Amino acid sequence: LMLLNWGLEVYKWRYFTLKIQYLTLTDSIKSVLIGIVAG
């Protein structure tokens, strides 16, 4: 369920970010993971 949970967060972040800039799925995953570390 953790994988599903963060998968949904990646989808949410990428879906709305694409409205201002193209972001690959790989970069979306990396940005969320780095955000977790910083958080």
PDB file of all heavy atoms in Angstrom:
ATOM      1  N   LEU A   1       0.825  -1.210   0.000  1.00  0.00           N
ATOM      2  CA  LEU A   1       0.000   0.000   0.000  1.00  0.00           C
ATOM      3  C   LEU A   1       0.863   1.265   0.000  1.00  0.00           C
ATOM      4  O   LEU A   1       0.452   2.304  -0.504  1.00  0.00           O
ATOM      5  CB  LEU A   1      -0.941  -0.002   1.208  1.00  0.00           C
ATOM      6  CG  LEU A   1      -2.143  -0.943   1.110  1.00  0.00           C
ATOM      7  CD1 LEU A   1      -2.882  -1.014   2.449  1.00  0.00           C
ATOM      8  CD2 LEU A   1      -3.094  -0.511  -0.001  1.00  0.00           C
ATOM      9  N   MET A   2       2.063   1.157   0.570  1.00  0.00           N
ATOM     10  CA  MET A   2       2.993   2.295   0.538  1.00  0.00           C
ATOM     11  C   MET A   2       3.337   2.644  -0.902  1.00  0.00           C
ATOM     12  O   MET A   2       3.396   3.818  -1.280  1.00  0.00           O
ATOM     13  CB  MET A   2       4.253   1.960   1.334  1.00  0.00           C
ATOM     14  CG  MET A   2       5.316   3.058   1.309  1.00  0.00           C
ATOM     15  SD  MET A   2       6.509   2.880  -0.044  1.00  0.00           S
ATOM     16  CE  MET A   2       7.466   1.491   0.530  1.00  0.00           C
ATOM     17  N   LEU A   3       3.573   1.623  -1.729  1.00  0.00           N
ATOM     18  CA  LEU A   3       3.886   1.864  -3.134  1.00  0.00           C
ATOM     19  C   LEU A   3       2.714   2.542  -3.840  1.00  0.00           C
ATOM     20  O   LEU A   3       2.900   3.476  -4.628  1.00  0.00           O
ATOM     21  CB  LEU A   3       4.231   0.539  -3.820  1.00  0.00           C
ATOM     22  CG  LEU A   3       5.477  -0.195  -3.306  1.00  0.00           C
ATOM     23  CD1 LEU A   3       5.625  -1.539  -4.017  1.00  0.00           C
ATOM     24  CD2 LEU A   3       6.726   0.655  -3.514  1.00  0.00           C
ATOM     25  N   LEU A   4       1.497   2.082  -3.551  1.00  0.00           N
ATOM     26  CA  LEU A   4       0.311   2.687  -4.150  1.00  0.00           C
ATOM     27  C   LEU A   4       0.143   4.121  -3.670  1.00  0.00           C
ATOM     28  O   LEU A   4      -0.183   5.030  -4.456  1.00  0.00           O
ATOM     29  CB  LEU A   4      -0.924   1.858  -3.791  1.00  0.00           C
ATOM     30  CG  LEU A   4      -2.276   2.416  -4.263  1.00  0.00           C
ATOM     31  CD1 LEU A   4      -2.306   2.542  -5.777  1.00  0.00           C
ATOM     32  CD2 LEU A   4      -3.416   1.523  -3.767  1.00  0.00           C
ATOM     33  N   ASN A   5       0.397   4.332  -2.388  1.00  0.00           N
ATOM     34  CA  ASN A   5       0.253   5.650  -1.788  1.00  0.00           C
ATOM     35  C   ASN A   5       1.151   6.676  -2.469  1.00  0.00           C
ATOM     36  O   ASN A   5       0.694   7.735  -2.930  1.00  0.00           O
ATOM     37  CB  ASN A   5       0.584   5.546  -0.292  1.00  0.00           C
ATOM     38  CG  ASN A   5       0.407   6.850   0.441  1.00  0.00           C
ATOM     39  OD1 ASN A   5      -0.171   7.798  -0.067  1.00  0.00           O
ATOM     40  ND2 ASN A   5       0.938   6.902   1.655  1.00  0.00           N
ATOM     41  N   TRP A   6       2.450   6.377  -2.542  1.00  0.00           N
ATOM     42  CA  TRP A   6       3.372   7.321  -3.147  1.00  0.00           C
ATOM     43  C   TRP A   6       3.223   7.366  -4.665  1.00  0.00           C
ATOM     44  O   TRP A   6       3.531   8.379  -5.307  1.00  0.00           O
ATOM     45  CB  TRP A   6       4.805   6.996  -2.756  1.00  0.00           C
ATOM     46  CG  TRP A   6       5.093   7.389  -1.343  1.00  0.00           C
ATOM     47  CD1 TRP A   6       5.330   6.569  -0.279  1.00  0.00           C
ATOM     48  CD2 TRP A   6       5.128   8.725  -0.817  1.00  0.00           C
ATOM     49  NE1 TRP A   6       5.521   7.298   0.872  1.00  0.00           N
ATOM     50  CE2 TRP A   6       5.399   8.627   0.570  1.00  0.00           C
ATOM     51  CE3 TRP A   6       4.950   9.984  -1.381  1.00  0.00           C
ATOM     52  CZ2 TRP A   6       5.502   9.742   1.389  1.00  0.00           C
ATOM     53  CZ3 TRP A   6       5.058  11.103  -0.567  1.00  0.00           C
ATOM     54  CH2 TRP A   6       5.324  10.971   0.804  1.00  0.00           C
ATOM     55  N   GLY A   7       2.730   6.279  -5.255  1.00  0.00           N
ATOM     56  CA  GLY A   7       2.437   6.298  -6.689  1.00  0.00           C
ATOM     57  C   GLY A   7       1.352   7.324  -7.011  1.00  0.00           C
ATOM     58  O   GLY A   7       1.440   8.048  -8.013  1.00  0.00           O
ATOM     59  N   LEU A   8       0.350   7.400  -6.146  1.00  0.00           N
ATOM     60  CA  LEU A   8      -0.708   8.396  -6.327  1.00  0.00           C
ATOM     61  C   LEU A   8      -0.172   9.813  -6.143  1.00  0.00           C
ATOM     62  O   LEU A   8      -0.580  10.737  -6.847  1.00  0.00           O
ATOM     63  CB  LEU A   8      -1.840   8.140  -5.325  1.00  0.00           C
ATOM     64  CG  LEU A   8      -2.771   6.980  -5.650  1.00  0.00           C
ATOM     65  CD1 LEU A   8      -3.680   6.687  -4.464  1.00  0.00           C
ATOM     66  CD2 LEU A   8      -3.601   7.282  -6.893  1.00  0.00           C
ATOM     67  N   GLU A   9       0.764   9.986  -5.205  1.00  0.00           N
ATOM     68  CA  GLU A   9       1.356  11.310  -4.998  1.00  0.00           C
ATOM     69  C   GLU A   9       2.174  11.732  -6.211  1.00  0.00           C
ATOM     70  O   GLU A   9       2.143  12.907  -6.618  1.00  0.00           O
ATOM     71  CB  GLU A   9       2.229  11.302  -3.744  1.00  0.00           C
ATOM     72  CG  GLU A   9       2.893  12.629  -3.431  1.00  0.00           C
ATOM     73  CD  GLU A   9       1.926  13.759  -3.179  1.00  0.00           C
ATOM     74  OE1 GLU A   9       0.757  13.484  -2.830  1.00  0.00           O
ATOM     75  OE2 GLU A   9       2.325  14.927  -3.328  1.00  0.00           O
ATOM     76  N   VAL A  10       2.919  10.790  -6.796  1.00  0.00           N
ATOM     77  CA  VAL A  10       3.678  11.085  -8.015  1.00  0.00           C
ATOM     78  C   VAL A  10       2.728  11.490  -9.141  1.00  0.00           C
ATOM     79  O   VAL A  10       2.966  12.468  -9.862  1.00  0.00           O
ATOM     80  CB  VAL A  10       4.519   9.864  -8.439  1.00  0.00           C
ATOM     81  CG1 VAL A  10       5.102  10.072  -9.841  1.00  0.00           C
ATOM     82  CG2 VAL A  10       5.642   9.613  -7.445  1.00  0.00           C
ATOM     83  N   TYR A  11       1.632  10.716  -9.276  1.00  0.00           N
ATOM     84  CA  TYR A  11       0.656  11.029 -10.320  1.00  0.00           C
ATOM     85  C   TYR A  11       0.064  12.404 -10.102  1.00  0.00           C
ATOM     86  O   TYR A  11      -0.055  13.201 -11.047  1.00  0.00           O
ATOM     87  CB  TYR A  11      -0.464   9.982 -10.319  1.00  0.00           C
ATOM     88  CG  TYR A  11      -1.633  10.349 -11.211  1.00  0.00           C
ATOM     89  CD1 TYR A  11      -1.558  10.175 -12.590  1.00  0.00           C
ATOM     90  CD2 TYR A  11      -2.797  10.891 -10.669  1.00  0.00           C
ATOM     91  CE1 TYR A  11      -2.624  10.529 -13.414  1.00  0.00           C
ATOM     92  CE2 TYR A  11      -3.865  11.248 -11.475  1.00  0.00           C
ATOM     93  CZ  TYR A  11      -3.769  11.059 -12.850  1.00  0.00           C
ATOM     94  OH  TYR A  11      -4.832  11.417 -13.660  1.00  0.00           O
ATOM     95  N   LYS A  12      -0.309  12.744  -8.878  1.00  0.00           N
ATOM     96  CA  LYS A  12      -0.913  14.041  -8.563  1.00  0.00           C
ATOM     97  C   LYS A  12       0.055  15.174  -8.877  1.00  0.00           C
ATOM     98  O   LYS A  12      -0.327  16.172  -9.505  1.00  0.00           O
ATOM     99  CB  LYS A  12      -1.318  14.068  -7.086  1.00  0.00           C
ATOM    100  CG  LYS A  12      -1.984  15.350  -6.643  1.00  0.00           C
ATOM    101  CD  LYS A  12      -2.549  15.219  -5.232  1.00  0.00           C
ATOM    102  CE  LYS A  12      -1.473  15.077  -4.189  1.00  0.00           C
ATOM    103  NZ  LYS A  12      -2.016  15.108  -2.806  1.00  0.00           N
ATOM    104  N   TRP A  13       1.298  15.025  -8.433  1.00  0.00           N
ATOM    105  CA  TRP A  13       2.307  16.052  -8.660  1.00  0.00           C
ATOM    106  C   TRP A  13       2.564  16.249 -10.155  1.00  0.00           C
ATOM    107  O   TRP A  13       2.601  17.377 -10.653  1.00  0.00           O
ATOM    108  CB  TRP A  13       3.594  15.677  -7.935  1.00  0.00           C
ATOM    109  CG  TRP A  13       4.814  16.463  -8.290  1.00  0.00           C
ATOM    110  CD1 TRP A  13       5.946  16.005  -8.889  1.00  0.00           C
ATOM    111  CD2 TRP A  13       5.045  17.869  -8.065  1.00  0.00           C
ATOM    112  NE1 TRP A  13       6.866  17.009  -9.044  1.00  0.00           N
ATOM    113  CE2 TRP A  13       6.333  18.179  -8.546  1.00  0.00           C
ATOM    114  CE3 TRP A  13       4.285  18.894  -7.503  1.00  0.00           C
ATOM    115  CZ2 TRP A  13       6.882  19.445  -8.497  1.00  0.00           C
ATOM    116  CZ3 TRP A  13       4.835  20.175  -7.450  1.00  0.00           C
ATOM    117  CH2 TRP A  13       6.111  20.436  -7.934  1.00  0.00           C
ATOM    118  N   ARG A  14       2.711  15.158 -10.893  1.00  0.00           N
ATOM    119  CA  ARG A  14       3.023  15.257 -12.326  1.00  0.00           C
ATOM    120  C   ARG A  14       1.829  15.795 -13.115  1.00  0.00           C
ATOM    121  O   ARG A  14       1.988  16.612 -14.020  1.00  0.00           O
ATOM    122  CB  ARG A  14       3.428  13.885 -12.865  1.00  0.00           C
ATOM    123  CG  ARG A  14       3.853  13.915 -14.344  1.00  0.00           C
ATOM    124  CD  ARG A  14       4.517  12.625 -14.770  1.00  0.00           C
ATOM    125  NE  ARG A  14       5.050  12.743 -16.109  1.00  0.00           N
ATOM    126  CZ  ARG A  14       4.442  12.256 -17.203  1.00  0.00           C
ATOM    127  NH1 ARG A  14       3.286  11.613 -17.079  1.00  0.00           N
ATOM    128  NH2 ARG A  14       4.984  12.403 -18.390  1.00  0.00           N
ATOM    129  N   TYR A  15       0.632  15.351 -12.771  1.00  0.00           N
ATOM    130  CA  TYR A  15      -0.570  15.769 -13.503  1.00  0.00           C
ATOM    131  C   TYR A  15      -0.716  17.287 -13.490  1.00  0.00           C
ATOM    132  O   TYR A  15      -0.980  17.909 -14.527  1.00  0.00           O
ATOM    133  CB  TYR A  15      -1.801  15.118 -12.886  1.00  0.00           C
ATOM    134  CG  TYR A  15      -3.106  15.569 -13.506  1.00  0.00           C
ATOM    135  CD1 TYR A  15      -3.585  14.982 -14.676  1.00  0.00           C
ATOM    136  CD2 TYR A  15      -3.853  16.603 -12.925  1.00  0.00           C
ATOM    137  CE1 TYR A  15      -4.782  15.397 -15.249  1.00  0.00           C
ATOM    138  CE2 TYR A  15      -5.045  17.026 -13.492  1.00  0.00           C
ATOM    139  CZ  TYR A  15      -5.503  16.420 -14.651  1.00  0.00           C
ATOM    140  OH  TYR A  15      -6.686  16.845 -15.215  1.00  0.00           O
ATOM    141  N   PHE A  16      -0.527  17.904 -12.319  1.00  0.00           N
ATOM    142  CA  PHE A  16      -0.717  19.345 -12.227  1.00  0.00           C
ATOM    143  C   PHE A  16       0.533  20.114 -12.646  1.00  0.00           C
ATOM    144  O   PHE A  16       0.438  21.249 -13.130  1.00  0.00           O
ATOM    145  CB  PHE A  16      -1.145  19.727 -10.807  1.00  0.00           C
ATOM    146  CG  PHE A  16      -2.554  19.282 -10.487  1.00  0.00           C
ATOM    147  CD1 PHE A  16      -2.793  18.107  -9.808  1.00  0.00           C
ATOM    148  CD2 PHE A  16      -3.625  20.038 -10.910  1.00  0.00           C
ATOM    149  CE1 PHE A  16      -4.086  17.688  -9.538  1.00  0.00           C
ATOM    150  CE2 PHE A  16      -4.929  19.643 -10.647  1.00  0.00           C
ATOM    151  CZ  PHE A  16      -5.157  18.456  -9.966  1.00  0.00           C
ATOM    152  N   THR A  17       1.705  19.519 -12.519  1.00  0.00           N
ATOM    153  CA  THR A  17       2.932  20.176 -12.964  1.00  0.00           C
ATOM    154  C   THR A  17       2.977  20.275 -14.491  1.00  0.00           C
ATOM    155  O   THR A  17       3.525  21.228 -15.044  1.00  0.00           O
ATOM    156  CB  THR A  17       4.168  19.417 -12.450  1.00  0.00           C
ATOM    157  OG1 THR A  17       4.120  19.338 -11.023  1.00  0.00           O
ATOM    158  CG2 THR A  17       5.455  20.134 -12.837  1.00  0.00           C
ATOM    159  N   LEU A  18       2.383  19.287 -15.168  1.00  0.00           N
ATOM    160  CA  LEU A  18       2.363  19.308 -16.629  1.00  0.00           C
ATOM    161  C   LEU A  18       1.600  20.508 -17.179  1.00  0.00           C
ATOM    162  O   LEU A  18       1.745  20.852 -18.354  1.00  0.00           O
ATOM    163  CB  LEU A  18       1.732  18.016 -17.168  1.00  0.00           C
ATOM    164  CG  LEU A  18       2.602  16.758 -17.084  1.00  0.00           C
ATOM    165  CD1 LEU A  18       1.823  15.534 -17.551  1.00  0.00           C
ATOM    166  CD2 LEU A  18       3.874  16.921 -17.919  1.00  0.00           C
ATOM    167  N   LYS A  19       0.834  21.166 -16.359  1.00  0.00           N
ATOM    168  CA  LYS A  19       0.118  22.364 -16.791  1.00  0.00           C
ATOM    169  C   LYS A  19       1.058  23.548 -16.977  1.00  0.00           C
ATOM    170  O   LYS A  19       0.699  24.541 -17.627  1.00  0.00           O
ATOM    171  CB  LYS A  19      -0.984  22.711 -15.784  1.00  0.00           C
ATOM    172  CG  LYS A  19      -2.111  21.678 -15.711  1.00  0.00           C
ATOM    173  CD  LYS A  19      -3.147  22.060 -14.681  1.00  0.00           C
ATOM    174  CE  LYS A  19      -4.269  21.033 -14.618  1.00  0.00           C
ATOM    175  NZ  LYS A  19      -5.090  21.011 -15.852  1.00  0.00           N
ATOM    176  N   ILE A  20       2.261  23.470 -16.396  1.00  0.00           N
ATOM    177  CA  ILE A  20       3.222  24.562 -16.537  1.00  0.00           C
ATOM    178  C   ILE A  20       4.532  24.118 -17.185  1.00  0.00           C
ATOM    179  O   ILE A  20       5.243  24.937 -17.761  1.00  0.00           O
ATOM    180  CB  ILE A  20       3.549  25.205 -15.168  1.00  0.00           C
ATOM    181  CG1 ILE A  20       4.166  24.171 -14.219  1.00  0.00           C
ATOM    182  CG2 ILE A  20       2.326  25.848 -14.555  1.00  0.00           C
ATOM    183  CD1 ILE A  20       4.749  24.773 -12.954  1.00  0.00           C
ATOM    184  N   GLN A  21       4.859  22.816 -17.099  1.00  0.00           N
ATOM    185  CA  GLN A  21       6.140  22.336 -17.632  1.00  0.00           C
ATOM    186  C   GLN A  21       6.079  20.826 -17.825  1.00  0.00           C
ATOM    187  O   GLN A  21       5.487  20.108 -17.010  1.00  0.00           O
ATOM    188  CB  GLN A  21       7.269  22.680 -16.655  1.00  0.00           C
ATOM    189  CG  GLN A  21       8.623  22.097 -17.015  1.00  0.00           C
ATOM    190  CD  GLN A  21       9.685  22.357 -15.967  1.00  0.00           C
ATOM    191  OE1 GLN A  21       9.776  23.465 -15.429  1.00  0.00           O
ATOM    192  NE2 GLN A  21      10.493  21.367 -15.648  1.00  0.00           N
ATOM    193  N   TYR A  22       6.708  20.360 -18.906  1.00  0.00           N
ATOM    194  CA  TYR A  22       6.765  18.913 -19.114  1.00  0.00           C
ATOM    195  C   TYR A  22       7.741  18.288 -18.120  1.00  0.00           C
ATOM    196  O   TYR A  22       8.856  18.776 -17.925  1.00  0.00           O
ATOM    197  CB  TYR A  22       7.219  18.584 -20.545  1.00  0.00           C
ATOM    198  CG  TYR A  22       7.337  17.086 -20.762  1.00  0.00           C
ATOM    199  CD1 TYR A  22       6.204  16.298 -20.912  1.00  0.00           C
ATOM    200  CD2 TYR A  22       8.587  16.470 -20.785  1.00  0.00           C
ATOM    201  CE1 TYR A  22       6.302  14.927 -21.088  1.00  0.00           C
ATOM    202  CE2 TYR A  22       8.698  15.102 -20.961  1.00  0.00           C
ATOM    203  CZ  TYR A  22       7.549  14.339 -21.108  1.00  0.00           C
ATOM    204  OH  TYR A  22       7.656  12.979 -21.268  1.00  0.00           O
ATOM    205  N   LEU A  23       7.296  17.231 -17.485  1.00  0.00           N
ATOM    206  CA  LEU A  23       8.122  16.521 -16.512  1.00  0.00           C
ATOM    207  C   LEU A  23       7.957  15.028 -16.766  1.00  0.00           C
ATOM    208  O   LEU A  23       6.832  14.514 -16.777  1.00  0.00           O
ATOM    209  CB  LEU A  23       7.663  16.868 -15.084  1.00  0.00           C
ATOM    210  CG  LEU A  23       8.657  16.644 -13.933  1.00  0.00           C
ATOM    211  CD1 LEU A  23       9.877  17.538 -14.105  1.00  0.00           C
ATOM    212  CD2 LEU A  23       7.990  16.932 -12.590  1.00  0.00           C
ATOM    213  N   THR A  24       9.062  14.346 -17.017  1.00  0.00           N
ATOM    214  CA  THR A  24       8.982  12.915 -17.282  1.00  0.00           C
ATOM    215  C   THR A  24       8.527  12.168 -16.033  1.00  0.00           C
ATOM    216  O   THR A  24       8.630  12.684 -14.904  1.00  0.00           O
ATOM    217  CB  THR A  24      10.340  12.351 -17.732  1.00  0.00           C
ATOM    218  OG1 THR A  24      11.265  12.436 -16.629  1.00  0.00           O
ATOM    219  CG2 THR A  24      10.896  13.122 -18.924  1.00  0.00           C
ATOM    220  N   LEU A  25       8.033  10.975 -16.232  1.00  0.00           N
ATOM    221  CA  LEU A  25       7.599  10.164 -15.098  1.00  0.00           C
ATOM    222  C   LEU A  25       8.778   9.870 -14.175  1.00  0.00           C
ATOM    223  O   LEU A  25       8.647   9.917 -12.941  1.00  0.00           O
ATOM    224  CB  LEU A  25       6.979   8.850 -15.591  1.00  0.00           C
ATOM    225  CG  LEU A  25       6.517   7.866 -14.501  1.00  0.00           C
ATOM    226  CD1 LEU A  25       5.471   8.503 -13.602  1.00  0.00           C
ATOM    227  CD2 LEU A  25       5.985   6.583 -15.138  1.00  0.00           C
ATOM    228  N   THR A  26       9.946   9.607 -14.766  1.00  0.00           N
ATOM    229  CA  THR A  26      11.146   9.328 -13.962  1.00  0.00           C
ATOM    230  C   THR A  26      11.521  10.523 -13.099  1.00  0.00           C
ATOM    231  O   THR A  26      11.810  10.381 -11.907  1.00  0.00           O
ATOM    232  CB  THR A  26      12.335   8.964 -14.871  1.00  0.00           C
ATOM    233  OG1 THR A  26      12.001   7.795 -15.624  1.00  0.00           O
ATOM    234  CG2 THR A  26      13.575   8.678 -14.043  1.00  0.00           C
ATOM    235  N   ASP A  27      11.514  11.707 -13.697  1.00  0.00           N
ATOM    236  CA  ASP A  27      11.844  12.910 -12.933  1.00  0.00           C
ATOM    237  C   ASP A  27      10.787  13.198 -11.865  1.00  0.00           C
ATOM    238  O   ASP A  27      11.103  13.718 -10.787  1.00  0.00           O
ATOM    239  CB  ASP A  27      11.980  14.117 -13.864  1.00  0.00           C
ATOM    240  CG  ASP A  27      13.310  14.137 -14.594  1.00  0.00           C
ATOM    241  OD1 ASP A  27      14.195  13.330 -14.238  1.00  0.00           O
ATOM    242  OD2 ASP A  27      13.480  14.944 -15.527  1.00  0.00           O
ATOM    243  N   SER A  28       9.543  12.881 -12.158  1.00  0.00           N
ATOM    244  CA  SER A  28       8.473  13.076 -11.169  1.00  0.00           C
ATOM    245  C   SER A  28       8.706  12.187  -9.950  1.00  0.00           C
ATOM    246  O   SER A  28       8.563  12.630  -8.809  1.00  0.00           O
ATOM    247  CB  SER A  28       7.113  12.762 -11.797  1.00  0.00           C
ATOM    248  OG  SER A  28       6.837  13.615 -12.879  1.00  0.00           O
ATOM    249  N   ILE A  29       9.082  10.939 -10.208  1.00  0.00           N
ATOM    250  CA  ILE A  29       9.357  10.004  -9.109  1.00  0.00           C
ATOM    251  C   ILE A  29      10.549  10.487  -8.289  1.00  0.00           C
ATOM    252  O   ILE A  29      10.521  10.500  -7.053  1.00  0.00           O
ATOM    253  CB  ILE A  29       9.621   8.582  -9.658  1.00  0.00           C
ATOM    254  CG1 ILE A  29       8.354   8.025 -10.311  1.00  0.00           C
ATOM    255  CG2 ILE A  29      10.103   7.656  -8.542  1.00  0.00           C
ATOM    256  CD1 ILE A  29       8.566   6.712 -11.033  1.00  0.00           C
ATOM    257  N   LYS A  30      11.607  10.907  -8.996  1.00  0.00           N
ATOM    258  CA  LYS A  30      12.808  11.375  -8.292  1.00  0.00           C
ATOM    259  C   LYS A  30      12.512  12.613  -7.449  1.00  0.00           C
ATOM    260  O   LYS A  30      12.995  12.735  -6.319  1.00  0.00           O
ATOM    261  CB  LYS A  30      13.910  11.689  -9.308  1.00  0.00           C
ATOM    262  CG  LYS A  30      14.526  10.458  -9.964  1.00  0.00           C
ATOM    263  CD  LYS A  30      15.610  10.851 -10.947  1.00  0.00           C
ATOM    264  CE  LYS A  30      16.262   9.620 -11.563  1.00  0.00           C
ATOM    265  NZ  LYS A  30      17.319   9.985 -12.540  1.00  0.00           N
ATOM    266  N   SER A  31      11.745  13.550  -7.990  1.00  0.00           N
ATOM    267  CA  SER A  31      11.456  14.785  -7.255  1.00  0.00           C
ATOM    268  C   SER A  31      10.653  14.500  -5.995  1.00  0.00           C
ATOM    269  O   SER A  31      10.888  15.110  -4.948  1.00  0.00           O
ATOM    270  CB  SER A  31      10.702  15.767  -8.153  1.00  0.00           C
ATOM    271  OG  SER A  31       9.427  15.269  -8.513  1.00  0.00           O
ATOM    272  N   VAL A  32       9.715  13.557  -6.072  1.00  0.00           N
ATOM    273  CA  VAL A  32       8.923  13.197  -4.894  1.00  0.00           C
ATOM    274  C   VAL A  32       9.809  12.521  -3.845  1.00  0.00           C
ATOM    275  O   VAL A  32       9.708  12.818  -2.644  1.00  0.00           O
ATOM    276  CB  VAL A  32       7.740  12.287  -5.286  1.00  0.00           C
ATOM    277  CG1 VAL A  32       7.066  11.700  -4.043  1.00  0.00           C
ATOM    278  CG2 VAL A  32       6.715  13.063  -6.096  1.00  0.00           C
ATOM    279  N   LEU A  33      10.693  11.621  -4.285  1.00  0.00           N
ATOM    280  CA  LEU A  33      11.578  10.923  -3.349  1.00  0.00           C
ATOM    281  C   LEU A  33      12.542  11.900  -2.663  1.00  0.00           C
ATOM    282  O   LEU A  33      12.770  11.814  -1.448  1.00  0.00           O
ATOM    283  CB  LEU A  33      12.381   9.842  -4.087  1.00  0.00           C
ATOM    284  CG  LEU A  33      11.583   8.604  -4.524  1.00  0.00           C
ATOM    285  CD1 LEU A  33      12.471   7.675  -5.359  1.00  0.00           C
ATOM    286  CD2 LEU A  33      11.036   7.848  -3.321  1.00  0.00           C
ATOM    287  N   ILE A  34      13.101  12.833  -3.431  1.00  0.00           N
ATOM    288  CA  ILE A  34      14.000  13.829  -2.832  1.00  0.00           C
ATOM    289  C   ILE A  34      13.222  14.721  -1.870  1.00  0.00           C
ATOM    290  O   ILE A  34      13.720  15.115  -0.811  1.00  0.00           O
ATOM    291  CB  ILE A  34      14.680  14.668  -3.930  1.00  0.00           C
ATOM    292  CG1 ILE A  34      15.618  13.770  -4.754  1.00  0.00           C
ATOM    293  CG2 ILE A  34      15.475  15.825  -3.331  1.00  0.00           C
ATOM    294  CD1 ILE A  34      16.217  14.457  -5.955  1.00  0.00           C
ATOM    295  N   GLY A  35      11.984  15.015  -2.231  1.00  0.00           N
ATOM    296  CA  GLY A  35      11.142  15.805  -1.343  1.00  0.00           C
ATOM    297  C   GLY A  35      10.899  15.115  -0.013  1.00  0.00           C
ATOM    298  O   GLY A  35      10.858  15.759   1.044  1.00  0.00           O
ATOM    299  N   ILE A  36      10.762  13.792  -0.041  1.00  0.00           N
ATOM    300  CA  ILE A  36      10.573  13.034   1.196  1.00  0.00           C
ATOM    301  C   ILE A  36      11.798  13.181   2.095  1.00  0.00           C
ATOM    302  O   ILE A  36      11.681  13.395   3.307  1.00  0.00           O
ATOM    303  CB  ILE A  36      10.321  11.539   0.885  1.00  0.00           C
ATOM    304  CG1 ILE A  36       9.001  11.374   0.133  1.00  0.00           C
ATOM    305  CG2 ILE A  36      10.290  10.722   2.185  1.00  0.00           C
ATOM    306  CD1 ILE A  36       8.752   9.968  -0.370  1.00  0.00           C
ATOM    307  N   VAL A  37      12.984  13.078   1.494  1.00  0.00           N
ATOM    308  CA  VAL A  37      14.229  13.222   2.266  1.00  0.00           C
ATOM    309  C   VAL A  37      14.298  14.605   2.901  1.00  0.00           C
ATOM    310  O   VAL A  37      14.563  14.749   4.104  1.00  0.00           O
ATOM    311  CB  VAL A  37      15.464  13.000   1.368  1.00  0.00           C
ATOM    312  CG1 VAL A  37      16.746  13.238   2.166  1.00  0.00           C
ATOM    313  CG2 VAL A  37      15.454  11.593   0.792  1.00  0.00           C
ATOM    314  N   ALA A  38      14.047  15.642   2.091  1.00  0.00           N
ATOM    315  CA  ALA A  38      14.105  17.013   2.600  1.00  0.00           C
ATOM    316  C   ALA A  38      13.038  17.249   3.662  1.00  0.00           C
ATOM    317  O   ALA A  38      13.255  17.989   4.621  1.00  0.00           O
ATOM    318  CB  ALA A  38      13.933  18.004   1.447  1.00  0.00           C
ATOM    319  N   GLY A  39      11.889  16.596   3.498  1.00  0.00           N
ATOM    320  CA  GLY A  39      10.807  16.774   4.446  1.00  0.00           C
ATOM    321  C   GLY A  39      11.108  16.203   5.816  1.00  0.00           C
ATOM    322  O   GLY A  39      10.704  16.753   6.843  1.00  0.00           O
TER     323      GLY A  39
END
